[in-house]
Protein backbone atom coordinates (compact mmCIF):
# COMPACT_ATOMS: atom_id res chain seq x y z
CA MET A 1 2.73 135.68 172.10
CA ASN A 2 4.33 139.07 173.20
CA PRO A 3 6.51 140.12 170.57
CA MET A 4 9.50 140.96 172.37
CA LEU A 5 9.40 137.25 173.98
CA LEU A 6 9.09 135.56 170.44
CA SER A 7 11.50 138.09 169.38
CA ALA A 8 13.58 137.41 171.57
CA LEU A 9 13.03 132.98 170.92
CA PHE A 10 14.06 133.80 167.71
CA SER A 11 17.36 135.64 167.93
CA PHE A 12 18.70 133.07 170.53
CA ALA A 13 17.20 129.49 169.24
CA PRO A 14 20.14 128.80 166.73
CA GLY A 15 22.86 129.38 169.60
CA LEU A 16 20.33 127.15 172.05
CA LEU A 17 19.38 125.16 169.40
CA SER A 18 23.58 124.12 168.88
CA LYS A 19 24.12 123.92 172.11
CA LEU A 20 21.65 121.27 172.64
CA PHE A 21 22.49 119.04 169.55
CA GLY A 22 25.87 120.14 168.48
CA SER A 23 28.71 118.84 169.33
CA ASP A 24 31.21 120.35 172.46
CA PRO A 25 34.10 121.29 171.10
CA GLN A 26 35.38 122.29 174.80
CA LEU A 27 34.95 118.77 175.43
CA LYS A 28 36.52 117.29 172.29
CA LEU A 29 39.59 119.98 173.36
CA ARG A 30 39.43 117.94 177.28
CA ASN A 31 39.22 114.92 175.52
CA GLN A 32 42.68 115.34 173.69
CA VAL A 33 44.57 117.00 175.88
CA ASN A 34 43.90 113.87 178.21
CA GLN A 35 44.78 111.44 175.54
CA LEU A 36 47.94 113.12 174.48
CA THR A 37 48.88 113.87 178.70
CA GLY A 38 47.43 110.18 179.67
CA ALA A 39 50.19 107.60 181.10
CA PRO A 40 50.00 105.41 177.78
CA ASN A 41 51.06 108.08 175.44
CA VAL A 42 53.48 109.66 177.88
CA GLY A 43 54.92 106.00 178.39
CA LYS A 44 54.62 105.88 174.74
CA VAL A 45 56.55 108.96 173.34
CA THR A 46 58.87 108.56 175.94
CA ASN A 47 60.34 105.04 175.12
CA GLN A 48 60.25 106.69 171.86
CA TYR A 49 62.98 109.08 172.67
CA TYR A 50 64.83 106.55 175.37
CA GLN A 51 65.03 104.31 172.31
CA GLN A 52 66.48 107.08 169.16
CA ALA A 53 69.24 107.58 172.75
CA ILE A 54 70.23 104.34 174.06
CA GLY A 55 70.70 103.62 169.63
CA SER A 56 72.45 106.63 168.94
CA PRO A 57 76.01 107.24 167.98
CA ALA A 58 77.08 109.37 170.91
CA TYR A 59 75.60 106.58 173.49
CA SER A 60 77.33 104.03 171.58
CA GLN A 61 80.13 106.54 172.38
CA ALA A 62 80.04 106.58 175.89
CA GLN A 63 79.39 102.78 176.85
CA GLY A 64 82.72 102.46 174.76
CA THR A 65 84.60 105.07 177.03
CA ILE A 66 83.02 103.47 180.22
CA ALA A 67 84.45 100.29 179.26
CA ALA A 68 88.23 101.46 177.53
CA GLY A 69 87.73 103.88 181.62
CA ALA A 70 87.03 99.74 182.78
CA ASN A 71 89.52 98.23 180.81
CA THR A 72 92.55 101.04 181.85
CA THR A 73 91.81 100.78 185.20
CA ALA A 74 91.52 96.95 185.65
CA GLY A 75 95.31 97.48 183.86
CA ASN A 76 96.46 99.76 186.45
CA LEU A 77 95.24 97.95 189.63
CA ALA A 78 96.86 94.43 187.99
CA SER A 79 99.89 96.17 187.42
CA ALA A 80 100.01 98.14 190.98
CA LEU A 81 98.55 95.13 193.37
CA GLY A 82 101.21 92.97 191.01
CA SER A 83 104.37 95.07 191.84
CA ARG A 84 103.04 95.10 195.68
CA GLY A 85 103.04 90.77 195.14
CA LEU A 86 99.28 91.39 196.49
CA GLY A 87 97.90 90.28 193.44
CA THR A 88 96.67 86.51 194.23
CA SER A 89 95.86 88.14 197.84
CA GLY A 90 92.40 88.57 199.25
CA THR A 91 93.47 92.29 199.09
CA GLY A 92 93.53 91.79 195.49
CA ALA A 93 90.59 89.60 194.82
CA VAL A 94 88.75 92.48 196.66
CA LEU A 95 89.66 95.20 194.81
CA SER A 96 89.45 93.38 191.25
CA SER A 97 85.87 92.77 192.29
CA LEU A 98 85.08 96.46 192.64
CA ILE A 99 86.19 97.13 189.10
CA PRO A 100 82.66 95.65 187.66
CA SER A 101 80.84 97.49 189.86
CA ILE A 102 82.13 100.35 188.78
CA VAL A 103 81.42 99.72 185.41
CA GLY A 104 77.91 98.65 186.56
CA SER A 105 76.99 102.03 187.98
CA GLN A 106 78.10 103.89 185.06
CA GLN A 107 75.77 101.66 182.67
CA ALA A 108 73.14 101.99 185.00
CA GLY A 109 74.01 106.38 185.27
CA LEU A 110 74.14 106.62 181.40
CA ARG A 111 70.68 104.75 181.26
CA THR A 112 69.01 106.87 183.64
CA GLY A 113 70.40 110.19 182.04
CA ALA A 114 69.06 108.92 178.25
CA TYR A 115 65.68 108.21 180.09
CA GLN A 116 65.63 111.40 181.77
CA SER A 117 66.68 113.36 178.46
CA ALA A 118 63.75 110.92 177.02
CA GLN A 119 61.54 112.01 179.50
CA SER A 120 62.18 115.72 179.12
CA GLN A 121 61.64 115.36 175.33
CA ALA A 122 58.35 113.44 175.23
CA GLN A 123 56.89 116.40 177.91
CA GLN A 124 58.29 119.43 175.40
CA GLN A 125 56.33 117.36 172.62
CA ILE A 126 53.70 116.89 173.99
CA GLN A 127 53.33 120.47 175.77
CA GLN A 128 53.87 121.68 171.77
CA GLN A 129 51.15 119.42 170.83
CA ILE A 130 48.45 120.68 173.76
CA GLN A 131 49.64 124.24 172.36
CA ALA A 132 48.88 123.37 169.09
CA LEU A 133 45.79 122.51 170.13
CA MET A 134 44.60 125.23 172.04
CA GLY A 135 45.82 127.45 169.26
CA THR A 136 43.40 126.36 166.77
CA GLN A 137 40.25 126.34 169.46
CA GLY A 138 38.20 129.44 168.71
CA ALA A 139 34.94 130.12 169.79
CA SER A 140 32.20 127.71 169.83
CA GLN A 141 29.41 127.90 166.91
CA SER A 142 27.55 127.64 170.13
CA SER A 143 28.93 130.94 172.02
CA GLN A 144 29.26 132.23 168.16
CA LEU A 145 25.21 132.03 167.51
CA PHE A 146 24.58 133.09 170.89
CA ALA A 147 26.59 135.93 170.50
CA GLY A 148 24.95 137.05 166.87
CA GLY A 149 21.12 136.45 169.05
CA LEU A 150 22.60 138.92 171.47
CA GLU A 151 23.71 141.47 168.97
CA SER A 152 19.79 140.81 166.76
CA PHE A 153 18.17 141.15 169.87
CA GLY A 154 19.78 143.80 171.38
CA PRO A 155 18.38 147.20 169.36
CA MET A 156 14.64 145.32 170.56
CA LEU A 157 15.71 145.38 173.75
CA GLN A 158 16.85 148.64 174.02
CA ALA A 159 14.39 150.27 172.01
CA PHE A 160 11.15 148.22 174.26
CA LEU A 161 13.31 149.41 177.42
CA ARG A 162 13.56 153.49 176.72
CA SER A 163 10.09 152.87 175.99
CA LYS A 164 8.91 151.82 178.67
CA TYR A 165 11.61 154.02 180.29
CA PRO A 166 12.36 156.91 178.43
CA GLY A 167 13.66 158.67 181.48
CA MET A 168 17.05 156.30 181.15
CA PHE A 169 19.35 155.80 178.15
CA GLY A 170 20.39 159.35 177.35
CA GLY A 171 16.56 159.97 176.08
CA TYR A 172 14.69 162.65 176.65
CA ARG A 173 12.27 163.47 179.55
CA ALA A 174 9.01 164.62 179.05
CA SER A 175 9.99 168.19 179.55
CA GLY A 176 11.84 168.14 176.74
CA SER A 177 15.44 168.67 178.35
CA LEU A 178 18.56 166.19 177.71
CA ASN A 179 19.05 163.34 180.15
CA GLN A 180 22.61 163.26 181.11
CA GLY A 181 22.32 159.92 183.52
């Protein structure tokens, strides 16, 4: 068997065998990223942040502010309608029924804001997890072994090419002058 071919085989065999029989860290990384960005995980993380938001003192305070505002508005409206004699009229009934609608709208806005904040926090957390995974990802074992094979085979290949083509690679020409090309 050709010694150059045998040398190449021994140099690159560990990298090739590792690629064939080893685990692929790039595939593992893709699977982890897919799991993090998949709908079940995004929904779970978003829901965790949403539950934290609606259970927070700030959320309760905002609900209290909405309720207090509704009570004040209802009292002011009833007083204004009563002073004009419209408290029991159709106009009074229509205007009084607007208060629950306004409160419902404000509550919905509060919940929407909490959910949007939760989505944003979830996206940030998932992005940080992905960045952490990417930061731990180095060259694969197969790549490292292949690079080692290339490093060990390179001098042999260079020596072989110098012997076959002495005028290349900055060696001496047959005339004895230095080749600068």
